[in-house]
Protein backbone atom coordinates (compact mmCIF):
# COMPACT_ATOMS: atom_id res chain seq x y z
CA MET A 1 -71.67 -156.18 12.65
CA PHE A 2 -71.24 -159.57 11.55
CA LEU A 3 -68.70 -162.54 12.29
CA HIS A 4 -66.70 -162.94 9.66
CA PRO A 5 -65.13 -166.32 8.66
CA ASN A 6 -61.66 -165.48 10.05
CA GLY A 7 -63.13 -164.69 13.54
CA GLU A 8 -63.47 -160.84 13.47
CA TYR A 9 -66.49 -158.66 13.88
CA ARG A 10 -66.80 -156.27 10.93
CA PRO A 11 -69.43 -153.53 10.09
CA VAL A 12 -71.98 -154.58 7.38
CA HIS A 13 -72.28 -151.36 5.59
CA SER A 14 -74.02 -151.98 2.18
CA GLN A 15 -73.52 -155.47 1.92
CA LEU A 16 -76.27 -158.19 2.11
CA ILE A 17 -75.57 -161.30 4.02
CA LEU A 18 -76.95 -164.69 3.34
CA VAL A 19 -76.98 -166.93 6.14
CA SER A 20 -77.29 -170.61 5.33
CA ASN A 21 -75.74 -173.61 5.82
CA SER A 22 -77.05 -175.91 2.93
CA ILE A 23 -77.28 -173.18 -0.07
CA CYS A 24 -73.68 -171.63 0.43
CA LYS A 25 -70.92 -173.73 -1.36
CA SER A 26 -68.02 -171.59 -0.77
CA ARG A 27 -64.82 -173.46 0.40
CA GLN A 28 -63.66 -170.66 2.86
CA SER A 29 -67.11 -170.45 4.67
CA ASN A 30 -70.13 -172.96 4.95
CA LEU A 31 -71.87 -170.21 7.02
CA LEU A 32 -71.67 -166.67 5.12
CA LYS A 33 -71.69 -165.44 1.76
CA THR A 34 -71.40 -161.84 0.86
CA PHE A 35 -72.95 -160.10 -1.82
CA ASN A 36 -71.65 -156.39 -2.28
CA HIS A 37 -71.64 -156.33 -6.32
CA LEU A 38 -75.41 -155.63 -6.81
CA PRO A 39 -77.96 -152.98 -5.38
CA ILE A 40 -80.47 -154.13 -3.00
CA ASP A 41 -83.28 -153.37 -5.37
CA TYR A 42 -82.06 -156.53 -7.21
CA TYR A 43 -83.05 -158.34 -4.17
CA VAL A 44 -86.07 -156.72 -3.41
CA LYS A 45 -87.62 -156.93 -6.89
CA GLY A 46 -89.64 -159.83 -6.26
CA TYR A 47 -91.24 -158.36 -3.11
CA LYS A 48 -92.22 -155.22 -5.42
CA ASN A 49 -94.14 -157.29 -7.69
CA ARG A 50 -96.00 -159.13 -4.93
CA TYR A 51 -97.19 -156.01 -3.51
CA MET A 52 -98.03 -154.73 -6.91
CA THR A 53 -100.20 -158.13 -7.45
CA PHE A 54 -101.54 -157.66 -4.15
CA ASP A 55 -102.84 -153.92 -4.60
CA ILE A 56 -104.61 -155.31 -7.93
CA VAL A 57 -106.28 -157.86 -6.25
CA MET A 58 -107.68 -155.70 -3.35
CA ILE A 59 -108.87 -153.33 -6.14
CA VAL A 60 -110.81 -156.10 -7.52
CA ILE A 61 -111.91 -157.23 -4.38
CA PHE A 62 -113.19 -153.61 -3.52
CA LEU A 63 -114.97 -153.43 -6.97
CA LEU A 64 -116.75 -156.70 -5.92
CA LEU A 65 -117.61 -155.39 -2.76
CA LEU A 66 -119.22 -152.10 -4.44
CA ALA A 67 -121.07 -154.02 -6.84
CA GLY A 68 -122.51 -156.08 -4.10
CA LEU A 69 -123.27 -152.86 -1.99
CA ALA A 70 -125.03 -151.47 -4.93
CA MET A 71 -127.09 -154.95 -5.49
CA SER A 72 -128.11 -154.68 -1.91
CA TYR A 73 -129.36 -151.31 -2.15
CA PHE A 74 -131.52 -152.06 -5.49
CA ALA A 75 -132.59 -155.14 -3.50
CA PHE A 76 -133.68 -153.45 -0.78
CA LYS A 77 -135.47 -150.84 -2.66
CA LEU A 78 -137.44 -153.50 -4.65
CA LYS A 79 -138.28 -155.14 -1.44
CA LYS A 80 -139.94 -151.90 -0.18
CA GLN A 81 -141.71 -151.37 -3.32
CA GLU A 82 -142.95 -154.80 -3.58
CA TYR A 83 -144.33 -154.67 0.11
CA GLU A 84 -145.76 -151.18 -0.32
CA ALA A 85 -147.60 -152.42 -3.13
CA THR A 86 -148.77 -156.14 -1.95
CA GLY A 87 -148.33 -155.68 2.06
CA LYS A 88 -146.45 -158.97 2.17
CA TYR A 89 -142.59 -159.96 2.37
CA PRO A 90 -140.95 -162.44 -0.02
CA ARG A 91 -140.23 -165.96 1.11
CA GLY A 92 -137.09 -165.90 3.00
CA HIS A 93 -137.48 -162.46 4.30
CA TYR A 94 -137.68 -163.78 8.14
CA MET A 95 -134.95 -166.25 7.45
CA GLY A 96 -132.71 -163.70 6.83
CA GLN A 97 -133.45 -161.70 9.72
CA GLY A 98 -133.07 -164.79 11.99
CA LEU A 99 -129.67 -165.35 10.47
CA ALA A 100 -128.70 -161.66 10.91
CA ILE A 101 -129.49 -161.67 14.40
CA GLY A 102 -127.73 -165.34 14.73
CA ILE A 103 -124.50 -163.83 13.36
CA ALA A 104 -124.80 -160.80 15.59
CA ILE A 105 -125.21 -163.25 18.71
CA GLY A 106 -122.49 -165.31 17.39
CA ILE A 107 -119.78 -162.61 17.35
CA PRO A 108 -119.83 -162.24 20.88
CA ILE A 109 -119.63 -165.92 21.49
CA ALA A 110 -116.92 -166.05 19.24
CA PHE A 111 -114.82 -163.49 21.05
CA ALA A 112 -115.63 -165.07 24.23
CA LEU A 113 -114.55 -168.60 23.00
CA ASP A 114 -111.56 -167.11 21.33
CA ASN A 115 -112.60 -169.20 18.36
CA ILE A 116 -114.16 -167.57 15.29
CA PHE A 117 -115.42 -170.27 13.50
CA PHE A 118 -116.96 -171.83 16.60
CA GLY A 119 -118.72 -168.60 17.20
CA TYR A 120 -120.09 -168.05 13.96
CA MET A 121 -121.21 -171.64 13.46
CA VAL A 122 -123.27 -171.33 16.56
CA GLY A 123 -124.63 -168.07 15.74
CA LEU A 124 -125.78 -169.43 12.36
CA VAL A 125 -127.57 -172.25 14.11
CA ILE A 126 -129.45 -169.95 16.28
CA GLY A 127 -130.10 -167.67 13.36
CA THR A 128 -131.60 -170.70 11.41
CA VAL A 129 -133.58 -171.76 14.19
CA ILE A 130 -135.18 -168.02 14.68
CA GLY A 131 -135.41 -167.68 11.16
CA SER A 132 -137.35 -170.69 10.37
CA ARG A 133 -139.65 -170.17 13.40
CA ASN A 134 -140.41 -166.87 12.25
CA GLU A 135 -140.81 -167.89 8.69
CA SER A 136 -143.43 -170.69 9.92
CA LYS A 137 -145.01 -168.22 12.35
CA HIS A 138 -145.69 -165.48 9.74
CA GLU A 139 -146.67 -168.07 6.60
CA HIS A 140 -149.58 -166.03 5.81
CA GLU A 141 -147.94 -162.83 5.44
CA LEU A 142 -145.41 -164.15 2.77
CA ARG A 143 -145.51 -164.19 -0.77
CA PRO A 144 -143.29 -165.72 -3.95
CA LEU A 145 -140.47 -163.78 -5.32
CA THR A 146 -141.24 -161.75 -8.56
CA PRO A 147 -139.39 -162.22 -11.58
CA ARG A 148 -137.33 -159.20 -11.09
CA GLU A 149 -136.52 -160.36 -7.52
CA ARG A 150 -135.65 -163.62 -8.59
CA GLU A 151 -133.24 -162.12 -11.27
CA LEU A 152 -131.60 -159.60 -8.57
CA ARG A 153 -131.25 -162.53 -6.22
CA LYS A 154 -129.29 -164.30 -8.95
CA LYS A 155 -126.71 -161.55 -9.58
CA THR A 156 -126.16 -161.13 -6.17
CA ILE A 157 -125.38 -164.73 -5.67
CA LEU A 158 -123.30 -164.48 -8.54
CA ILE A 159 -121.08 -161.20 -7.25
CA PHE A 160 -120.99 -163.03 -3.97
CA GLY A 161 -119.77 -166.23 -5.26
CA ALA A 162 -117.03 -164.51 -7.14
CA LEU A 163 -115.81 -162.76 -3.92
CA PHE A 164 -115.83 -166.43 -2.33
CA ALA A 165 -113.99 -167.54 -5.24
CA ILE A 166 -111.20 -164.64 -5.26
CA GLY A 167 -110.98 -165.26 -1.46
CA LEU A 168 -110.22 -168.99 -1.97
CA PHE A 169 -107.81 -167.92 -4.70
CA ILE A 170 -106.12 -165.76 -2.69
CA PHE A 171 -105.82 -168.02 0.27
CA ALA A 172 -104.56 -170.84 -1.95
CA ALA A 173 -102.08 -168.06 -3.23
CA MET A 174 -100.87 -167.21 0.27
CA VAL A 175 -100.49 -170.83 1.16
CA TYR A 176 -98.60 -171.83 -1.76
CA PHE A 177 -96.15 -168.61 -1.98
CA ASN A 178 -95.67 -168.60 1.57
CA PHE A 179 -97.18 -165.01 2.63
């Protein structure tokens, strides 16, 4: 039911009603304008294209995450092989462990404070302290990165950098298109 300009309440049926004071330029009604000539798909077509674009973006993100997962698997396998051969971990190993522990500590802090950003930042600071302390404590057990590890690290940074760039692009699109 909607209020017709003459004061009667009428059923809507298949009519699309646009309520706007500034857009509607009709002399009879400055408040209501009805469209009953065009099918509803005409008005919804823009939303279908948005959902299709969103699906494509999600597929690209999923593929990049799969590539990152594969790179992580190969990095873990390579680190294990090098550790078995030399008995030493690469530089940054204990820093990575510390950051992982710090993020795990930061998640409950984020929920407790109801502020995701602050919780993760506190977790990263705690993780950096733990990682740097362990890195200096185990200095004699560390070795420099091998050329294969450096190459794999570059590829991993490239993949996660692409994910970050896509995230920024999607955020900008959401702000620009008011999603």
